[in-house]
Amino acid sequence: MTVTIYHNPDCGTSRNTLAMIRQSGVEPEVIDYRANPPSRARLEQLIADAGLSVRQAIRQKDTPYAELGLGDPTLSDDALLDAMLAHPILINRPFVETPNGVRLCRPSEAVLDILQNPDIGPFTKEDGEVIIDARGRRLV
């Protein structure tokens, strides 16, 4: 089974998602999308397969979103994609691709919906939030 995560190691959500994938018994292909951004076609495919609009796939927080004027509702998808490729930090994360589908895993536990083995045992996020308790019950 191939699992790919477009990862930012500086992001807690991305680190939690990666930890859940690994706890499911899979070592994913980890792509630091900031250093190795996807091609335009690949990014468009990830966004479409996740059921998102291009605008929904843009990260606003801690990015040049405002400075670039990307909140302008008249900007086309092509213009938004151009900005995302020129500034990969604008690509929201983490995107995860598995044989069961593609998700933008925000919150991180969204990854459980597309893992082959979502029964990963107890899991607590870095911030202390319990996602799966000691009895294996998903709390979120």
Protein backbone atom coordinates (compact mmCIF):
# COMPACT_ATOMS: atom_id res chain seq x y z
CA MET A 1 0.00 0.00 0.00
CA THR A 2 1.40 3.38 -1.01
CA VAL A 3 0.66 6.38 1.17
CA THR A 4 2.04 9.82 0.39
CA ILE A 5 1.99 12.82 2.70
CA TYR A 6 2.80 16.34 1.53
CA HIS A 7 4.40 17.33 4.79
CA ASN A 8 5.72 20.37 6.62
CA PRO A 9 7.86 19.18 9.54
CA ASP A 10 7.39 22.58 11.23
CA CYS A 11 3.60 22.08 11.40
CA GLY A 12 2.04 20.28 14.37
CA THR A 13 -0.98 19.18 12.34
CA SER A 14 1.31 17.67 9.74
CA ARG A 15 3.46 15.94 12.39
CA ASN A 16 0.37 14.49 14.09
CA THR A 17 -0.94 13.24 10.75
CA LEU A 18 2.40 11.60 9.94
CA ALA A 19 2.46 9.95 13.38
CA MET A 20 -1.03 8.48 12.84
CA ILE A 21 -0.02 7.10 9.45
CA ARG A 22 3.04 5.47 10.96
CA GLN A 23 1.05 4.14 13.91
CA SER A 24 -1.26 2.44 11.38
CA GLY A 25 1.72 0.33 10.33
CA VAL A 26 2.63 2.21 7.16
CA GLU A 27 5.82 4.08 6.37
CA PRO A 28 4.61 6.71 3.90
CA GLU A 29 6.44 8.55 1.20
CA VAL A 30 7.09 11.90 2.90
CA ILE A 31 7.36 14.90 0.59
CA ASP A 32 8.42 18.22 2.09
CA TYR A 33 6.28 20.23 -0.30
CA ARG A 34 8.15 23.45 0.57
CA ALA A 35 11.41 22.05 -0.80
CA ASN A 36 9.82 19.82 -3.46
CA PRO A 37 6.47 21.31 -4.44
CA PRO A 38 4.17 19.23 -6.61
CA SER A 39 3.84 20.09 -10.27
CA ARG A 40 0.90 22.23 -11.28
CA ALA A 41 -0.93 19.20 -12.67
CA ARG A 42 -0.25 17.19 -9.52
CA LEU A 43 -1.43 20.01 -7.25
CA GLU A 44 -4.60 20.43 -9.30
CA GLN A 45 -5.22 16.68 -9.07
CA LEU A 46 -4.68 16.57 -5.28
CA ILE A 47 -7.08 19.48 -4.79
CA ALA A 48 -9.72 17.93 -7.05
CA ASP A 49 -9.36 14.45 -5.54
CA ALA A 50 -9.76 15.94 -2.05
CA GLY A 51 -13.03 17.55 -3.19
CA LEU A 52 -11.78 21.07 -2.60
CA SER A 53 -11.76 24.28 -4.54
CA VAL A 54 -8.39 25.88 -5.23
CA ARG A 55 -9.29 28.66 -2.80
CA GLN A 56 -10.01 26.07 -0.05
CA ALA A 57 -6.53 24.60 -0.56
CA ILE A 58 -4.71 27.88 0.11
CA ARG A 59 -3.18 28.47 3.51
CA GLN A 60 -3.66 32.00 4.81
CA LYS A 61 -2.03 31.92 8.25
CA ASP A 62 1.73 32.58 8.42
CA THR A 63 2.01 32.98 4.65
CA PRO A 64 2.26 35.87 2.15
CA TYR A 65 -1.47 35.44 1.40
CA ALA A 66 -2.46 38.98 2.41
CA GLU A 67 0.61 40.68 0.95
CA LEU A 68 -0.05 39.01 -2.40
CA GLY A 69 -3.70 40.12 -2.37
CA LEU A 70 -4.96 36.54 -2.67
CA GLY A 71 -8.16 37.35 -0.82
CA ASP A 72 -9.38 39.15 -3.94
CA PRO A 73 -12.46 37.15 -4.98
CA THR A 74 -11.93 38.04 -8.64
CA LEU A 75 -8.66 36.09 -8.86
CA SER A 76 -8.93 33.02 -11.06
CA ASP A 77 -7.95 29.51 -10.02
CA ASP A 78 -5.00 29.83 -12.41
CA ALA A 79 -3.77 32.93 -10.59
CA LEU A 80 -4.16 31.22 -7.22
CA LEU A 81 -2.31 28.13 -8.44
CA ASP A 82 0.47 30.35 -9.82
CA ALA A 83 0.85 31.91 -6.36
CA MET A 84 0.84 28.50 -4.63
CA LEU A 85 3.57 27.21 -6.92
CA ALA A 86 5.66 30.38 -6.58
CA HIS A 87 5.23 30.29 -2.78
CA PRO A 88 4.70 26.64 -1.75
CA ILE A 89 4.04 27.68 1.87
CA LEU A 90 0.63 28.77 0.51
CA ILE A 91 -0.29 25.10 -0.12
CA ASN A 92 -2.39 24.05 2.83
CA ARG A 93 -1.15 20.94 4.58
CA PRO A 94 -0.96 18.13 4.95
CA PHE A 95 -2.42 16.53 1.87
CA VAL A 96 -2.40 12.74 2.21
CA GLU A 97 -3.00 10.29 -0.62
CA THR A 98 -3.82 6.62 0.02
CA PRO A 99 -5.54 3.89 -2.02
CA ASN A 100 -8.73 4.98 -0.20
CA GLY A 101 -8.57 8.60 -1.35
CA VAL A 102 -7.03 12.01 -0.85
CA ARG A 103 -7.67 14.35 2.06
CA LEU A 104 -6.43 17.66 3.28
CA CYS A 105 -5.92 16.43 6.84
CA ARG A 106 -7.04 19.43 8.83
CA PRO A 107 -7.73 18.36 11.49
CA SER A 108 -5.06 15.68 11.51
CA GLU A 109 -7.48 12.90 12.49
CA ALA A 110 -9.14 13.24 9.07
CA VAL A 111 -6.37 10.88 7.91
CA LEU A 112 -8.10 8.03 9.76
CA ASP A 113 -10.91 8.17 7.17
CA ILE A 114 -8.55 7.15 4.35
CA LEU A 115 -6.12 4.74 6.04
CA GLN A 116 -6.32 1.03 5.24
CA ASN A 117 -5.95 0.37 8.98
CA PRO A 118 -7.69 3.17 10.92
CA ASP A 119 -7.58 1.10 14.13
CA ILE A 120 -4.26 2.54 15.22
CA GLY A 121 -4.71 2.14 18.96
CA PRO A 122 -4.54 4.98 21.48
CA PHE A 123 -3.40 8.30 20.04
CA THR A 124 -2.82 11.67 21.66
CA LYS A 125 -1.84 14.73 19.65
CA GLU A 126 1.27 16.72 20.48
CA ASP A 127 -0.89 19.30 22.28
CA GLY A 128 -2.35 16.65 24.59
CA GLU A 129 -5.72 16.24 22.83
CA VAL A 130 -6.77 12.58 22.98
CA ILE A 131 -8.01 11.41 19.58
CA ILE A 132 -8.32 7.69 20.37
CA ASP A 133 -8.56 6.59 23.99
CA ALA A 134 -7.01 3.53 25.65
CA ARG A 135 -10.11 1.47 24.75
CA GLY A 136 -9.69 2.29 21.06
CA ARG A 137 -12.64 4.69 20.94
CA ARG A 138 -12.30 7.61 18.58
CA LEU A 139 -13.19 10.69 20.61
CA VAL A 140 -13.25 13.24 17.84
